[in-house]
């Protein structure tokens, strides 16, 4: 499927209003395999794209990985998939960041929003000011260096195994890691995934083509009006629950934060029955 100049690989099921599901790192569209059939059964056209730069989606010609570009992709996918004002937007990790931005940039396109594991941008200052959290974010800073690709690629991408183990302790991620590694086997795809971190919106813009996404990037300083369900695992090893307990205060009126007890950074995979129930109740209201 072509959108915003990219050929997106997608996994989809069902018919009806669009439910666009966006994944994060190090992951793939298969992360939504337990949710998509439920959305389809509830009367949605549920679609999970492989994010820009993740095979089988193509490497973007503009070489841009700022969150503003991800926002533009979500809006373009809404068009390409025939979405209307009944569409809902669901995002995890980088997909959550894209969802916040797309909800603010094009509020008329999305009726309800669900974000998982990454809180609203308003909490970034507190998160990055916490010493223990900065230690958890070691990979973020590693990815700013020229060593990043070699570290990620070594030993069949064992670095990714370690991240999943730290972020969701006790969860058997073998199937998910297999899918993620398939997306990142080529050096150009790994460079793309690492590029999300190098282009993070709080870092000065380093790529001239980012000018194309100035409006989308600016939307990250706002919050969309849609009621938003925010889900966070109580055992998240990536972003500490202690730092996001007040996330709902930074979301629109009518929003809700729910803690998924016993889950780590991937609650939609670790506790699918509970999370699917929460999401379906939210998007069908």
Protein backbone atom coordinates (compact mmCIF):
# COMPACT_ATOMS: atom_id res chain seq x y z
CA UNK A 1 0.00 0.00 0.00
CA UNK A 2 1.47 3.35 -1.06
CA UNK A 3 1.19 6.34 1.28
CA UNK A 4 3.40 9.41 1.75
CA UNK A 5 5.77 8.12 -0.93
CA UNK A 6 6.38 4.79 0.87
CA UNK A 7 5.24 1.28 -0.02
CA UNK A 8 3.90 0.03 3.29
CA UNK A 9 3.56 -3.63 4.06
CA UNK A 10 0.41 -4.10 6.14
CA UNK A 11 -1.46 -6.76 8.06
CA UNK A 12 -5.20 -6.21 7.93
CA UNK A 13 -8.53 -7.81 8.69
CA UNK A 14 -12.20 -6.92 8.85
CA UNK A 15 -14.36 -4.22 7.30
CA UNK A 16 -15.79 -1.01 8.69
CA UNK A 17 -14.27 2.12 10.19
CA UNK A 18 -10.47 2.19 10.18
CA UNK A 19 -8.54 1.05 13.25
CA UNK A 20 -4.91 1.96 12.54
CA UNK A 21 -2.41 0.16 14.79
CA UNK A 22 1.18 1.45 14.93
CA UNK A 23 4.13 -0.51 16.34
CA UNK A 24 7.38 0.57 17.98
CA UNK A 25 10.96 -0.65 18.46
CA UNK A 26 12.29 -3.29 18.28
CA UNK A 27 9.08 -4.76 16.96
CA UNK A 28 6.90 -5.26 13.90
CA UNK A 29 3.30 -5.09 12.73
CA UNK A 30 2.91 -8.64 14.08
CA UNK A 31 2.86 -7.13 17.56
CA UNK A 32 -0.87 -6.56 16.98
CA UNK A 33 -1.62 -10.15 15.97
CA UNK A 34 -3.68 -10.75 19.12
CA UNK A 35 -5.67 -7.52 18.81
CA UNK A 36 -6.37 -7.30 15.07
CA UNK A 37 -8.87 -10.21 14.94
CA UNK A 38 -10.74 -8.74 17.90
CA UNK A 39 -10.99 -5.36 16.20
CA UNK A 40 -12.10 -7.00 12.98
CA UNK A 41 -14.75 -8.96 14.86
CA UNK A 42 -15.98 -5.74 16.46
CA UNK A 43 -16.68 -4.18 13.07
CA UNK A 44 -13.44 -2.37 12.27
CA UNK A 45 -11.09 -2.49 9.30
CA UNK A 46 -8.06 -3.22 11.47
CA UNK A 47 -4.72 -2.38 9.83
CA UNK A 48 -1.20 -2.69 11.21
CA UNK A 49 1.49 -1.24 8.91
CA UNK A 50 5.18 -1.98 9.15
CA UNK A 51 6.49 1.46 10.10
CA UNK A 52 8.70 3.45 7.73
CA UNK A 53 12.03 1.73 7.21
CA UNK A 54 10.91 -1.61 8.68
CA UNK A 55 10.88 -4.35 6.02
CA UNK A 56 8.80 -5.14 4.06
CA UNK A 57 7.92 -1.42 4.01
CA UNK A 58 10.36 0.53 1.88
CA UNK A 59 13.10 2.86 3.04
CA UNK A 60 11.70 6.39 2.71
CA UNK A 61 13.32 8.41 -0.06
CA UNK A 62 13.36 11.48 2.19
CA UNK A 63 15.50 9.62 4.75
CA UNK A 64 13.60 11.29 7.56
CA UNK A 65 12.64 9.58 10.83
CA UNK A 66 11.46 12.48 12.97
CA UNK A 67 8.17 11.86 14.77
CA UNK A 68 6.67 14.46 12.44
CA UNK A 69 7.33 12.07 9.55
CA UNK A 70 5.57 9.28 11.45
CA UNK A 71 2.61 11.61 11.97
CA UNK A 72 2.51 12.34 8.24
CA UNK A 73 2.59 8.59 7.53
CA UNK A 74 -0.39 7.97 9.81
CA UNK A 75 -2.42 10.69 8.13
CA UNK A 76 -1.44 9.45 4.65
CA UNK A 77 -2.39 5.88 5.61
CA UNK A 78 -5.75 7.17 6.81
CA UNK A 79 -6.30 8.55 3.30
CA UNK A 80 -4.97 5.49 1.47
CA UNK A 81 -7.13 3.16 3.54
CA UNK A 82 -10.31 5.17 3.06
CA UNK A 83 -10.54 6.30 6.66
CA UNK A 84 -13.11 8.82 7.81
CA UNK A 85 -14.05 10.61 11.02
CA UNK A 86 -14.96 7.28 12.67
CA UNK A 87 -11.37 6.02 12.55
CA UNK A 88 -9.53 5.10 15.74
CA UNK A 89 -5.79 5.20 16.32
CA UNK A 90 -3.80 2.75 18.45
CA UNK A 91 -0.06 3.01 19.06
CA UNK A 92 2.66 1.35 21.12
CA UNK A 93 6.11 2.80 21.86
CA UNK A 94 7.12 4.88 18.78
CA UNK A 95 3.63 4.14 17.49
CA UNK A 96 2.24 5.85 20.60
CA UNK A 97 4.36 8.94 19.89
CA UNK A 98 3.03 8.98 16.32
CA UNK A 99 -0.52 8.58 17.64
CA UNK A 100 -0.24 11.56 19.97
CA UNK A 101 1.07 13.68 17.12
CA UNK A 102 -1.47 12.51 14.53
CA UNK A 103 -4.35 13.06 16.95
CA UNK A 104 -3.24 16.67 17.47
CA UNK A 105 -2.29 17.34 13.85
CA UNK A 106 -5.47 15.98 12.23
CA UNK A 107 -8.08 15.71 15.00
CA UNK A 108 -10.96 15.47 12.53
CA UNK A 109 -9.68 12.08 11.33
CA UNK A 110 -9.65 10.15 14.61
CA UNK A 111 -12.59 9.52 16.94
CA UNK A 112 -10.70 7.79 19.76
CA UNK A 113 -7.07 7.09 20.59
CA UNK A 114 -5.26 4.35 22.53
CA UNK A 115 -1.59 4.65 23.48
CA UNK A 116 0.55 2.00 25.15
CA UNK A 117 3.78 2.24 27.18
CA UNK A 118 4.86 5.77 26.19
CA UNK A 119 3.16 8.70 27.97
CA UNK A 120 2.27 12.12 26.54
CA UNK A 121 5.16 14.36 25.49
CA UNK A 122 4.45 16.69 28.44
CA UNK A 123 6.13 14.16 30.73
CA UNK A 124 9.37 14.01 28.74
CA UNK A 125 11.14 16.61 30.88
CA UNK A 126 10.46 14.68 34.09
CA UNK A 127 11.38 11.35 32.49
CA UNK A 128 14.71 12.59 31.13
CA UNK A 129 15.53 14.31 34.42
CA UNK A 130 15.39 11.05 36.39
CA UNK A 131 18.80 9.44 36.93
CA UNK A 132 17.51 5.85 37.17
CA UNK A 133 15.45 6.35 34.03
CA UNK A 134 18.47 7.67 32.16
CA UNK A 135 20.24 4.41 32.94
CA UNK A 136 17.31 2.53 31.44
CA UNK A 137 17.65 4.74 28.38
CA UNK A 138 21.29 3.77 27.77
CA UNK A 139 20.39 2.43 24.31
CA UNK A 140 18.94 5.81 23.37
CA UNK A 141 22.36 7.39 23.81
CA UNK A 142 24.21 4.43 22.28
CA UNK A 143 22.13 4.93 19.14
CA UNK A 144 23.57 8.43 18.73
CA UNK A 145 27.01 6.89 18.07
CA UNK A 146 28.48 5.27 14.94
CA UNK A 147 28.82 2.01 16.92
CA UNK A 148 25.06 1.46 17.03
CA UNK A 149 24.57 -0.70 13.94
CA UNK A 150 27.47 -3.02 14.77
CA UNK A 151 26.19 -3.47 18.32
CA UNK A 152 22.62 -4.23 17.20
CA UNK A 153 23.72 -6.54 14.35
CA UNK A 154 26.17 -8.66 16.39
CA UNK A 155 25.40 -12.28 17.28
CA UNK A 156 22.10 -12.51 15.41
CA UNK A 157 20.90 -9.24 16.93
CA UNK A 158 21.21 -10.56 20.47
CA UNK A 159 21.05 -6.93 21.66
CA UNK A 160 17.34 -6.96 20.84
CA UNK A 161 16.81 -10.12 22.89
CA UNK A 162 18.37 -8.39 25.88
CA UNK A 163 16.17 -5.31 25.47
CA UNK A 164 12.99 -7.37 25.41
CA UNK A 165 14.16 -9.34 28.43
CA UNK A 166 14.85 -6.13 30.36
CA UNK A 167 11.67 -4.43 29.28
CA UNK A 168 9.26 -7.35 29.79
CA UNK A 169 10.96 -9.71 32.26
CA UNK A 170 9.64 -13.26 32.19
CA UNK A 171 7.82 -12.91 28.86
CA UNK A 172 8.72 -15.40 26.13
CA UNK A 173 9.40 -13.03 23.23
CA UNK A 174 10.89 -15.54 20.78
CA UNK A 175 8.09 -15.20 18.24
CA UNK A 176 8.06 -11.42 18.48
CA UNK A 177 11.83 -11.19 18.21
CA UNK A 178 11.80 -13.41 15.14
CA UNK A 179 9.38 -11.02 13.44
CA UNK A 180 11.32 -7.94 14.56
CA UNK A 181 14.63 -9.35 13.34
CA UNK A 182 13.09 -10.21 9.97
CA UNK A 183 12.26 -6.51 9.63
CA UNK A 184 15.80 -5.43 10.55
CA UNK A 185 18.13 -7.96 8.90
CA UNK A 186 19.31 -5.57 6.22
CA UNK A 187 21.71 -2.85 7.32
CA UNK A 188 19.51 -0.19 5.72
CA UNK A 189 16.55 -1.29 7.82
CA UNK A 190 18.59 -1.30 11.03
CA UNK A 191 19.84 2.16 10.14
CA UNK A 192 16.24 3.28 9.69
CA UNK A 193 15.12 1.90 13.05
CA UNK A 194 18.10 3.49 14.80
CA UNK A 195 17.33 6.67 12.86
CA UNK A 196 14.14 7.17 14.88
CA UNK A 197 16.34 7.79 17.93
CA UNK A 198 18.83 9.97 16.11
CA UNK A 199 15.99 12.15 14.85
CA UNK A 200 14.08 12.35 18.13
CA UNK A 201 12.13 15.59 18.23
CA UNK A 202 13.98 17.04 21.22
CA UNK A 203 17.29 16.70 19.39
CA UNK A 204 18.09 19.54 16.97
CA UNK A 205 16.89 18.77 13.45
CA UNK A 206 19.77 17.19 11.54
CA UNK A 207 18.19 16.49 8.19
CA UNK A 208 17.13 19.14 5.72
CA UNK A 209 14.14 17.09 4.53
CA UNK A 210 12.66 17.40 8.04
CA UNK A 211 11.50 20.83 6.83
CA UNK A 212 8.81 18.96 4.94
CA UNK A 213 7.26 17.92 8.25
CA UNK A 214 7.42 21.21 10.15
CA UNK A 215 3.64 21.36 10.75
CA UNK A 216 3.47 17.73 11.84
CA UNK A 217 6.45 18.22 14.14
CA UNK A 218 4.87 21.32 15.67
CA UNK A 219 1.75 19.32 16.49
CA UNK A 220 3.80 17.36 19.05
CA UNK A 221 3.64 20.37 21.35
CA UNK A 222 -0.17 20.06 21.46
CA UNK A 223 -2.56 17.41 22.66
CA UNK A 224 -5.40 16.12 20.52
CA UNK A 225 -9.00 16.53 21.72
CA UNK A 226 -9.92 12.86 21.43
CA UNK A 227 -10.61 10.81 24.56
CA UNK A 228 -7.44 8.75 24.97
CA UNK A 229 -6.88 5.48 26.80
CA UNK A 230 -3.32 5.19 28.10
CA UNK A 231 -2.07 1.74 29.14
CA UNK A 232 1.14 1.10 31.07
CA UNK A 233 2.50 -2.14 32.52
CA UNK A 234 3.25 -2.19 36.23
CA UNK A 235 6.56 -3.97 35.54
CA UNK A 236 7.64 -1.93 32.51
CA UNK A 237 11.43 -2.10 32.37
CA UNK A 238 11.75 0.57 29.70
CA UNK A 239 9.84 3.48 31.26
CA UNK A 240 9.18 3.30 34.99
CA UNK A 241 5.57 3.42 36.08
CA UNK A 242 6.63 5.76 38.91
CA UNK A 243 7.36 8.46 36.32
CA UNK A 244 4.04 8.26 34.45
CA UNK A 245 1.49 7.80 37.23
CA UNK A 246 -0.04 11.21 36.44
CA UNK A 247 -0.20 10.69 32.67
CA UNK A 248 -3.99 11.16 32.57
CA UNK A 249 -3.54 14.75 33.79
CA UNK A 250 -1.83 15.54 30.50
CA UNK A 251 -4.50 13.97 28.29
CA UNK A 252 -7.79 15.44 27.02
CA UNK A 253 -10.94 15.57 29.12
CA UNK A 254 -12.59 12.16 29.17
CA UNK A 255 -9.30 10.26 28.93
CA UNK A 256 -8.19 7.42 31.18
CA UNK A 257 -4.99 5.76 32.35
CA UNK A 258 -5.06 2.06 33.19
CA UNK A 259 -2.22 0.12 34.78
CA UNK A 260 -1.86 -3.45 33.53
CA UNK A 261 -0.75 -5.35 36.59
CA UNK A 262 2.14 -7.76 36.07
CA UNK A 263 2.88 -6.62 32.53
CA UNK A 264 6.08 -5.08 31.20
CA UNK A 265 6.65 -2.85 28.18
CA UNK A 266 4.50 -4.96 25.83
CA UNK A 267 1.24 -5.40 27.78
CA UNK A 268 -0.78 -6.06 24.62
CA UNK A 269 1.30 -9.23 24.14
CA UNK A 270 1.87 -10.18 27.78
CA UNK A 271 -1.73 -9.72 28.96
CA UNK A 272 -3.71 -9.85 25.71
CA UNK A 273 -7.09 -10.81 27.13
CA UNK A 274 -7.11 -7.93 29.61
CA UNK A 275 -5.65 -5.39 27.20
CA UNK A 276 -7.89 -6.38 24.28
CA UNK A 277 -10.93 -6.04 26.52
CA UNK A 278 -9.81 -2.57 27.59
CA UNK A 279 -9.12 -1.43 24.04
CA UNK A 280 -12.31 -2.83 22.54
CA UNK A 281 -14.43 -1.23 25.24
CA UNK A 282 -12.72 2.11 24.59
CA UNK A 283 -12.92 2.21 20.80
CA UNK A 284 -16.50 0.93 20.62
CA UNK A 285 -17.88 3.49 23.09
